[in-house]
Protein backbone atom coordinates (compact mmCIF):
# COMPACT_ATOMS: atom_id res chain seq x y z
CA MET A 1 -5.71 15.89 31.03
CA ARG A 2 -4.72 13.19 28.54
CA THR A 3 -4.04 10.78 31.44
CA VAL A 4 -7.44 11.50 32.98
CA ARG A 5 -9.21 10.95 29.64
CA ALA A 6 -7.31 7.73 29.10
CA LEU A 7 -8.17 6.50 32.58
CA VAL A 8 -11.86 7.19 32.00
CA ALA A 9 -11.67 5.43 28.66
CA LEU A 10 -9.96 2.44 30.28
CA LEU A 11 -12.61 2.15 32.97
CA LEU A 12 -15.39 2.41 30.38
CA ALA A 13 -13.72 -0.19 28.17
CA LEU A 14 -13.66 -2.63 31.10
CA LEU A 15 -17.39 -2.21 31.82
CA PRO A 16 -19.53 -5.17 30.74
CA ALA A 17 -21.45 -4.68 27.55
CA THR A 18 -24.77 -4.98 29.44
CA VAL A 19 -24.25 -1.82 31.49
CA GLY A 20 -26.95 0.72 30.61
CA THR A 21 -29.94 2.61 31.89
CA ALA A 22 -33.67 2.36 31.68
CA ASP A 23 -33.70 5.12 29.07
CA ALA A 24 -35.06 4.45 25.59
CA ASN A 25 -31.55 5.20 24.26
CA PRO A 26 -29.12 3.66 26.75
CA PRO A 27 -25.38 4.37 26.50
CA LYS A 28 -23.61 2.27 23.90
CA PRO A 29 -20.80 -0.05 25.00
CA PHE A 30 -17.24 0.26 23.85
CA ILE A 31 -16.23 -2.13 21.07
CA TRP A 32 -12.75 -3.40 20.25
CA THR A 33 -11.38 -3.22 16.70
CA THR A 34 -8.01 -4.37 15.41
CA VAL A 35 -6.17 -1.38 13.88
CA TRP A 36 -2.86 -3.05 13.08
CA ALA A 37 -2.16 -6.70 12.38
CA THR A 38 0.32 -9.06 10.83
CA SER A 39 0.26 -12.77 10.02
CA ALA A 40 2.31 -15.09 12.23
CA HIS A 41 4.25 -18.00 10.85
CA GLN A 42 6.80 -20.56 11.92
CA PRO A 43 10.31 -19.70 13.20
CA SER A 44 12.06 -21.02 10.10
CA LYS A 45 14.49 -19.70 7.54
CA ALA A 46 13.47 -16.42 5.96
CA PHE A 47 14.26 -14.40 2.84
CA VAL A 48 16.41 -12.19 5.07
CA ALA A 49 18.39 -13.15 8.18
CA ASN A 50 16.60 -12.65 11.49
CA TRP A 51 16.41 -13.86 15.08
CA ALA A 52 13.47 -16.25 14.87
CA GLU A 53 15.28 -19.57 14.91
CA SER A 54 17.64 -18.60 17.74
CA GLY A 55 15.05 -16.80 19.86
CA PHE A 56 15.86 -14.55 22.81
CA THR A 57 17.43 -14.76 26.29
CA ASN A 58 17.70 -11.79 28.68
CA GLN A 59 16.99 -9.45 25.80
CA THR A 60 14.58 -6.63 25.04
CA VAL A 61 12.81 -6.46 21.67
CA ARG A 62 11.35 -3.14 20.52
CA GLN A 63 8.88 -3.10 17.62
CA VAL A 64 7.37 -0.08 15.87
CA VAL A 65 4.07 -0.23 13.97
CA ARG A 66 1.68 2.34 12.51
CA VAL A 67 -1.98 1.90 13.31
CA SER A 68 -4.52 2.55 10.55
CA ASP A 69 -7.27 3.92 12.79
CA GLY A 70 -7.51 5.39 16.28
CA GLY A 71 -9.27 4.79 19.56
CA LEU A 72 -9.60 5.81 23.18
CA THR A 73 -7.68 2.96 24.79
CA THR A 74 -5.37 0.29 23.49
CA ARG A 75 -4.42 -3.33 23.97
CA VAL A 76 -1.94 -5.64 22.24
CA ARG A 77 -2.26 -9.14 20.83
CA LEU A 78 0.74 -11.43 21.28
CA THR A 79 1.21 -14.97 20.09
CA ASN A 80 3.17 -18.13 20.85
CA ARG A 81 1.32 -19.93 18.12
CA TYR A 82 4.33 -21.88 16.85
CA GLY A 83 6.19 -22.19 20.15
CA THR A 84 6.76 -25.58 21.77
CA THR A 85 7.24 -24.28 25.33
CA PRO A 86 5.52 -21.48 27.34
CA LEU A 87 6.70 -17.99 26.40
CA ALA A 88 7.64 -15.99 29.50
CA VAL A 89 7.26 -12.22 29.09
CA ALA A 90 9.06 -10.61 32.04
CA GLY A 91 7.68 -7.19 31.22
CA ALA A 92 6.26 -5.15 28.36
CA THR A 93 5.44 -1.54 27.53
CA ILE A 94 3.59 0.43 24.93
CA ALA A 95 4.33 4.08 24.04
CA ARG A 96 4.06 6.65 21.31
CA SER A 97 6.94 6.33 18.89
CA ALA A 98 9.71 8.86 18.44
CA ALA A 99 12.48 8.69 15.82
CA ASP A 100 14.77 5.70 15.22
CA GLY A 101 13.53 3.41 17.96
CA ALA A 102 13.09 6.07 20.64
CA ILE A 103 9.78 6.60 22.45
CA ASP A 104 7.89 9.46 24.08
CA PRO A 105 8.70 8.93 27.81
CA ASP A 106 5.53 10.68 28.94
CA SER A 107 3.40 8.14 27.09
CA VAL A 108 4.91 4.89 28.39
CA GLN A 109 2.39 2.42 29.78
CA ASN A 110 3.05 -1.06 31.19
CA LEU A 111 1.29 -3.87 29.37
CA THR A 112 -0.25 -6.32 31.84
CA VAL A 113 -2.31 -9.48 31.75
CA GLY A 114 -4.78 -9.89 34.57
CA LEU A 115 -3.08 -6.76 36.01
CA ALA A 116 0.18 -8.71 36.35
CA PRO A 117 3.27 -7.08 34.79
CA SER A 118 4.79 -10.47 33.84
CA PHE A 119 2.94 -13.32 32.22
CA ARG A 120 3.24 -16.51 30.17
CA ILE A 121 1.73 -17.52 26.86
CA ALA A 122 1.07 -21.22 26.43
CA PRO A 123 2.46 -23.07 23.39
CA GLY A 124 0.13 -22.69 20.43
CA ALA A 125 -1.82 -19.86 22.09
CA ASP A 126 -2.54 -16.18 21.47
CA LEU A 127 -3.04 -13.66 24.24
CA VAL A 128 -4.53 -10.17 24.52
CA THR A 129 -3.18 -7.78 27.14
CA ASP A 130 -5.26 -5.69 29.51
CA PRO A 131 -6.29 -2.28 28.13
CA ALA A 132 -3.55 0.33 28.44
CA MET A 133 -4.23 4.03 29.13
CA LEU A 134 -3.05 5.14 25.70
CA SER A 135 -5.31 6.75 23.12
CA LEU A 136 -4.21 6.61 19.49
CA ALA A 137 -4.98 8.70 16.41
CA PRO A 138 -5.39 7.31 12.90
CA LEU A 139 -2.00 6.68 11.24
CA GLU A 140 -0.08 7.18 14.48
CA SER A 141 3.04 5.08 15.20
CA VAL A 142 3.21 3.11 18.40
CA THR A 143 6.07 1.14 19.95
CA ILE A 144 5.70 -2.18 21.78
CA THR A 145 8.71 -3.34 23.82
CA LEU A 146 9.04 -6.84 25.27
CA TYR A 147 11.58 -7.90 27.90
CA LEU A 148 12.28 -11.64 27.53
CA ALA A 149 14.38 -12.74 30.48
CA GLU A 150 14.10 -16.51 30.13
CA PRO A 151 15.20 -18.42 27.01
CA THR A 152 12.32 -18.35 24.55
CA GLY A 153 13.40 -20.99 22.10
CA PRO A 154 12.57 -20.37 18.42
CA ALA A 155 10.25 -17.38 18.08
CA THR A 156 6.90 -17.18 16.30
CA GLN A 157 7.51 -14.47 13.72
CA HIS A 158 6.46 -12.45 10.72
CA ALA A 159 9.65 -12.58 8.69
CA GLN A 160 9.32 -9.61 6.33
CA SER A 161 8.15 -6.49 8.13
CA PHE A 162 9.82 -3.74 6.05
CA ALA A 163 10.13 -1.96 9.38
CA THR A 164 13.05 -1.93 11.80
CA THR A 165 12.86 -4.00 14.98
CA TYR A 166 15.45 -3.27 17.69
CA ARG A 167 17.17 -5.60 20.19
CA ALA A 168 19.12 -4.86 23.38
CA ASN A 169 20.76 -7.04 25.99
CA GLY A 170 19.09 -6.85 29.42
CA ASP A 171 15.93 -5.04 30.46
CA HIS A 172 15.33 -1.82 28.50
CA ARG A 173 11.57 -1.96 28.16
CA ALA A 174 11.02 1.66 29.32
CA ASP A 175 14.12 3.31 27.85
CA ALA A 176 13.21 6.61 26.22
CA THR A 177 16.13 6.42 23.79
CA ALA A 178 17.29 3.55 21.60
CA ALA A 179 20.94 3.83 22.69
CA ALA A 180 20.95 0.31 24.22
CA PHE A 181 19.35 -1.23 21.14
CA THR A 182 22.46 -2.01 19.15
CA GLU A 183 21.01 -4.74 16.91
CA THR A 184 18.23 -4.55 14.33
CA SER A 185 16.27 -6.81 12.03
CA GLN A 186 13.43 -6.41 9.55
CA SER A 187 11.01 -8.91 11.14
CA TRP A 188 8.33 -8.92 13.85
CA TYR A 189 8.34 -11.36 16.76
CA TYR A 190 5.39 -12.57 18.87
CA LEU A 191 3.39 -9.44 17.92
CA THR A 192 0.27 -9.95 15.81
CA GLY A 193 -2.14 -7.12 16.59
CA VAL A 194 -2.94 -3.76 18.15
CA GLU A 195 -6.56 -3.20 19.13
CA VAL A 196 -8.41 -0.04 20.21
CA ALA A 197 -11.75 0.57 21.92
CA ASN A 198 -14.24 3.08 20.53
CA VAL A 199 -17.88 3.95 21.04
CA ALA A 200 -20.08 1.68 18.98
CA PRO A 201 -20.51 1.45 16.13
CA PRO A 202 -17.04 2.12 14.74
CA ARG A 203 -16.38 1.91 11.02
CA SER A 204 -15.69 -1.74 10.30
CA ALA A 205 -12.16 -2.87 9.52
CA LEU A 206 -10.90 -4.19 6.17
CA VAL A 207 -8.47 -7.10 5.90
CA ALA A 208 -6.05 -7.18 2.96
CA PHE A 209 -5.34 -10.90 2.71
CA GLY A 210 -2.63 -12.25 0.48
CA ASP A 211 1.01 -12.95 -0.24
CA SER A 212 4.13 -10.78 -0.70
CA ILE A 213 2.32 -8.26 -2.91
CA THR A 214 0.03 -7.53 0.04
CA GLU A 215 2.90 -7.83 2.53
CA GLY A 216 4.76 -5.07 0.68
CA VAL A 217 7.82 -6.61 -0.96
CA GLY A 218 9.36 -3.95 -3.20
CA SER A 219 8.18 -1.03 -1.06
CA THR A 220 10.56 1.35 0.72
CA GLY A 221 11.36 0.19 4.24
CA ASN A 222 10.16 2.18 7.27
CA SER A 223 7.92 4.28 5.00
CA ASP A 224 4.56 2.49 5.28
CA ASN A 225 4.14 2.35 1.50
CA ARG A 226 2.61 -1.13 1.31
CA TYR A 227 -0.76 -1.10 -0.52
CA PRO A 228 -2.82 -1.59 2.69
CA ASP A 229 -0.98 1.41 4.20
CA GLU A 230 -1.71 3.48 1.12
CA LEU A 231 -5.37 2.42 1.27
CA ALA A 232 -5.59 3.47 4.93
CA GLU A 233 -4.12 6.86 4.02
CA ARG A 234 -6.62 7.22 1.17
CA LEU A 235 -9.54 6.46 3.49
CA ALA A 236 -8.29 8.92 6.10
CA ALA A 237 -7.84 11.63 3.42
CA ALA A 238 -11.40 10.99 2.27
CA GLY A 239 -12.67 11.66 5.82
CA ILE A 240 -13.67 8.04 6.42
CA PRO A 241 -10.74 6.59 8.35
CA ARG A 242 -11.00 2.89 9.17
CA ALA A 243 -8.70 0.06 10.07
CA VAL A 244 -6.91 -1.65 7.16
CA LEU A 245 -5.13 -4.81 8.28
CA ASN A 246 -2.22 -6.30 6.34
CA GLU A 247 -2.44 -10.11 6.44
CA GLY A 248 0.05 -10.85 3.70
CA ILE A 249 2.91 -13.40 3.92
CA GLY A 250 5.74 -13.49 1.41
CA GLY A 251 5.61 -16.61 -0.76
CA ASN A 252 2.29 -17.69 0.72
CA ARG A 253 0.06 -20.04 -1.26
CA VAL A 254 -3.67 -20.60 -1.35
CA THR A 255 -3.49 -24.40 -1.29
CA VAL A 256 -0.08 -25.43 0.13
CA ASP A 257 1.10 -25.22 3.75
CA SER A 258 4.80 -24.43 4.20
CA SER A 259 7.16 -24.27 7.17
CA TRP A 260 8.94 -21.38 5.42
CA LEU A 261 6.20 -19.51 3.53
CA GLY A 262 3.44 -19.83 6.12
CA ASP A 263 0.26 -21.81 6.48
CA SER A 264 -1.84 -21.78 3.34
CA ALA A 265 -4.63 -19.29 2.83
CA ARG A 266 -7.10 -22.08 3.46
CA THR A 267 -5.47 -22.92 6.80
CA ARG A 268 -4.92 -19.41 8.14
CA PHE A 269 -8.05 -17.65 6.93
CA ARG A 270 -9.90 -18.06 10.23
CA HIS A 271 -6.99 -16.80 12.38
CA ASP A 272 -6.06 -13.90 10.12
CA VAL A 273 -9.48 -12.73 8.92
CA LEU A 274 -12.52 -14.20 10.67
CA ASP A 275 -11.13 -13.97 14.21
CA GLN A 276 -10.17 -10.29 13.91
CA PRO A 277 -12.59 -8.11 15.92
CA GLY A 278 -14.51 -5.47 13.98
CA VAL A 279 -13.89 -6.70 10.39
CA GLY A 280 -16.51 -5.99 7.73
CA THR A 281 -14.66 -6.54 4.43
CA VAL A 282 -11.84 -8.70 3.10
CA ILE A 283 -9.85 -8.30 -0.14
CA ILE A 284 -8.42 -11.62 -1.34
CA LEU A 285 -5.27 -11.31 -3.45
CA GLU A 286 -3.49 -14.63 -3.60
CA GLY A 287 -2.63 -17.36 -6.08
CA THR A 288 0.50 -16.05 -7.80
CA ASN A 289 2.77 -18.34 -5.77
CA ASP A 290 0.61 -21.41 -6.33
CA ILE A 291 0.99 -20.75 -10.07
CA GLY A 292 4.67 -19.79 -9.94
CA LEU A 293 5.63 -22.75 -7.71
CA SER A 294 3.74 -25.24 -9.86
CA SER A 295 7.04 -25.89 -11.61
CA GLY A 296 10.66 -24.94 -11.69
CA VAL A 297 11.47 -22.49 -8.89
CA THR A 298 12.78 -25.06 -6.39
CA ALA A 299 15.05 -22.56 -4.61
CA VAL A 300 11.98 -20.89 -3.10
CA ASP A 301 10.07 -23.90 -1.71
CA THR A 302 8.59 -27.28 -2.56
CA VAL A 303 7.14 -27.44 -6.06
CA VAL A 304 3.47 -28.47 -6.11
CA ASP A 305 1.47 -28.38 -9.33
CA VAL A 306 -1.73 -26.41 -8.71
CA SER A 307 -4.44 -26.02 -11.34
CA PRO A 308 -6.76 -23.04 -11.84
CA GLU A 309 -9.64 -25.31 -10.81
CA GLN A 310 -7.97 -26.04 -7.48
CA LEU A 311 -7.47 -22.34 -6.84
CA ILE A 312 -11.07 -21.51 -7.75
CA THR A 313 -12.37 -24.27 -5.47
CA THR A 314 -10.43 -22.80 -2.57
CA TYR A 315 -11.48 -19.24 -3.37
CA ARG A 316 -15.06 -20.46 -3.15
CA GLU A 317 -14.35 -21.98 0.28
CA LEU A 318 -12.93 -18.68 1.53
CA ILE A 319 -15.83 -16.70 0.06
CA GLY A 320 -18.29 -19.01 1.78
CA GLN A 321 -16.51 -18.72 5.16
CA ALA A 322 -16.38 -14.95 4.90
CA ARG A 323 -20.04 -14.66 3.93
CA ALA A 324 -21.05 -16.92 6.79
CA ALA A 325 -19.27 -14.50 9.14
CA GLY A 326 -21.14 -11.54 7.61
CA LEU A 327 -18.19 -10.13 5.68
CA ARG A 328 -18.19 -8.47 2.29
CA VAL A 329 -15.68 -10.22 -0.03
CA LEU A 330 -13.68 -8.42 -2.74
CA GLY A 331 -11.64 -10.42 -5.24
CA ALA A 332 -8.43 -8.98 -6.68
CA THR A 333 -7.10 -10.16 -10.02
CA LEU A 334 -3.52 -11.47 -10.10
CA PRO A 335 -1.05 -8.90 -11.46
CA PRO A 336 1.23 -9.80 -14.38
CA PHE A 337 4.64 -11.34 -13.73
CA GLY A 338 6.19 -11.57 -17.20
CA ASP A 339 10.04 -11.76 -17.20
CA SER A 340 10.07 -12.94 -13.55
CA PRO A 341 11.32 -16.43 -12.63
CA TYR A 342 7.65 -17.51 -12.36
CA PHE A 343 6.87 -16.75 -15.96
CA ASN A 344 6.30 -19.39 -18.62
CA ASP A 345 3.48 -20.13 -21.02
CA ALA A 346 1.77 -22.65 -18.73
CA ALA A 347 1.94 -20.28 -15.73
CA GLU A 348 0.59 -17.37 -17.75
CA ASN A 349 -2.32 -19.46 -19.04
CA LYS A 350 -3.19 -20.37 -15.45
CA ARG A 351 -3.06 -16.73 -14.38
CA LEU A 352 -5.30 -15.66 -17.23
CA ALA A 353 -7.81 -18.43 -16.45
CA VAL A 354 -7.95 -17.47 -12.75
CA ASN A 355 -8.40 -13.78 -13.60
CA GLU A 356 -11.17 -14.57 -16.09
CA TRP A 357 -13.07 -16.42 -13.35
CA ILE A 358 -12.49 -13.62 -10.81
CA ARG A 359 -13.81 -11.03 -13.30
CA THR A 360 -16.75 -12.96 -14.72
CA GLY A 361 -17.63 -15.66 -12.19
CA GLY A 362 -19.97 -13.42 -10.23
CA GLU A 363 -18.98 -14.95 -6.90
CA TYR A 364 -17.22 -12.02 -5.28
CA ASP A 365 -19.21 -9.00 -4.05
CA ALA A 366 -16.91 -6.74 -6.10
CA ILE A 367 -13.72 -6.92 -8.12
CA VAL A 368 -10.43 -5.04 -7.69
CA ASP A 369 -8.81 -5.35 -11.13
CA LEU A 370 -5.14 -5.05 -10.21
CA ASP A 371 -4.11 -6.89 -13.37
CA ALA A 372 -5.58 -4.12 -15.53
CA ALA A 373 -4.27 -1.36 -13.26
CA LEU A 374 -0.66 -2.56 -13.15
CA ALA A 375 -0.09 -4.09 -16.59
CA ASP A 376 2.17 -2.56 -19.22
CA PRO A 377 -0.20 -1.23 -21.92
CA THR A 378 2.24 -2.38 -24.62
CA ASP A 379 2.70 -5.87 -23.14
CA PRO A 380 -0.06 -6.91 -20.69
CA HIS A 381 1.91 -9.96 -19.58
CA ARG A 382 4.36 -7.65 -17.77
CA LEU A 383 4.13 -5.04 -15.05
CA ALA A 384 4.26 -1.49 -16.34
CA PRO A 385 7.86 -0.24 -15.93
CA ALA A 386 6.65 2.68 -13.79
CA TYR A 387 5.20 0.20 -11.29
CA ASP A 388 7.90 -2.49 -11.34
CA SER A 389 10.21 -2.78 -8.30
CA GLY A 390 12.78 -4.34 -10.56
CA ASP A 391 12.10 -8.05 -10.10
CA HIS A 392 9.15 -8.01 -12.53
CA LEU A 393 6.94 -9.61 -9.85
CA HIS A 394 6.46 -7.04 -7.09
CA PRO A 395 5.26 -3.46 -7.47
CA ASN A 396 7.27 -0.48 -6.27
CA ASP A 397 5.91 2.39 -4.14
CA ALA A 398 4.11 3.89 -7.15
CA GLY A 399 2.60 0.51 -7.95
CA TYR A 400 1.31 0.09 -4.42
CA ARG A 401 -0.28 3.54 -4.54
CA THR A 402 -1.95 2.54 -7.77
CA MET A 403 -3.24 -0.66 -6.19
CA ALA A 404 -4.77 1.32 -3.33
CA ALA A 405 -6.29 3.78 -5.81
CA THR A 406 -7.91 0.90 -7.73
CA VAL A 407 -10.10 -0.08 -4.77
CA ASP A 408 -13.57 1.47 -5.08
CA LEU A 409 -14.20 2.88 -1.59
CA THR A 410 -17.93 2.36 -2.01
CA ASP A 411 -17.32 -1.40 -2.17
CA ILE A 412 -16.04 -1.45 1.41
CA ARG A 413 -18.62 -2.27 4.06
């Protein structure tokens, strides 16, 4: 019965949006919404070792993600955005996840493009697969497996996934178990989105846009405790499930492009926010690295002095772009980072000035005051010990839950 329903959903999803009747209330078309996403960046060095710079040859890569909302049929977004040669995908599957890299064999579906089981992605391009006959529930885990027979060269990646990715030699795209997958990493490769089709109008998606605090540094791996995950759980528990998309990159800056820490917020905002189907709200939480890398921490990346005025100018650009696209824009204050390598008097003065503008400038539709929520009551320049992952910069699981709880659900469109 599930296969029949999925087939019907697939056929409906492929119908043109103009199909209808002469009735006063014609059937509504299916609409695609992104329900899981991550930000792609260059195949460069990372905070943790991975396979991006070496790429893949005659290997299978298995990646497990948890969607934040559900739908009747599913497709996958892949990218070769930072590749210099065509990416050949010899075969790919999608399936419901089981434990430790295994999959439910009864749910396996081939991913095709133009109904072809193998396909190429041009350098610099993204690609969306055909719809697969797989319905998903909110907060369900799904596994995407790519067989890469030809040498890929360096791989477009998301370096810090806080989720295990599996690699096997040879073609194991449909293996039910993970026995052949003897290598692991904590990064995602070529995968940037999972989309589902639902009857219109679905609840609009929310993009959490930011740096490592959005990405989830400091959270427990393979536990989906990043703040966007916690927010998706909170929405589902409130009976209003919707997609919450994590578009954070560790070390990312608002104003500075980096081969290691990703394109700047200004550069990637269209790709990661405006081009996502079904988005209605964005939360902007970024600027900590611009401040922290204004001086001193040369081991992380190039030092570029950035002023509060430069940050505010770019925030205004992002707000304007989002508004022009019909999005509601929430501004999050920058959490404290006292006692971290970023902290000094000049950096703290910049953080306080930016937060004052976010709170009082009147330019965001609403404010998410993470600074107030996470600060130590006895020393507001520091994270509260109960929320500190230990590096005095990133929250722990409890801190990320508090961040999600700070969002007023009525502010989400």
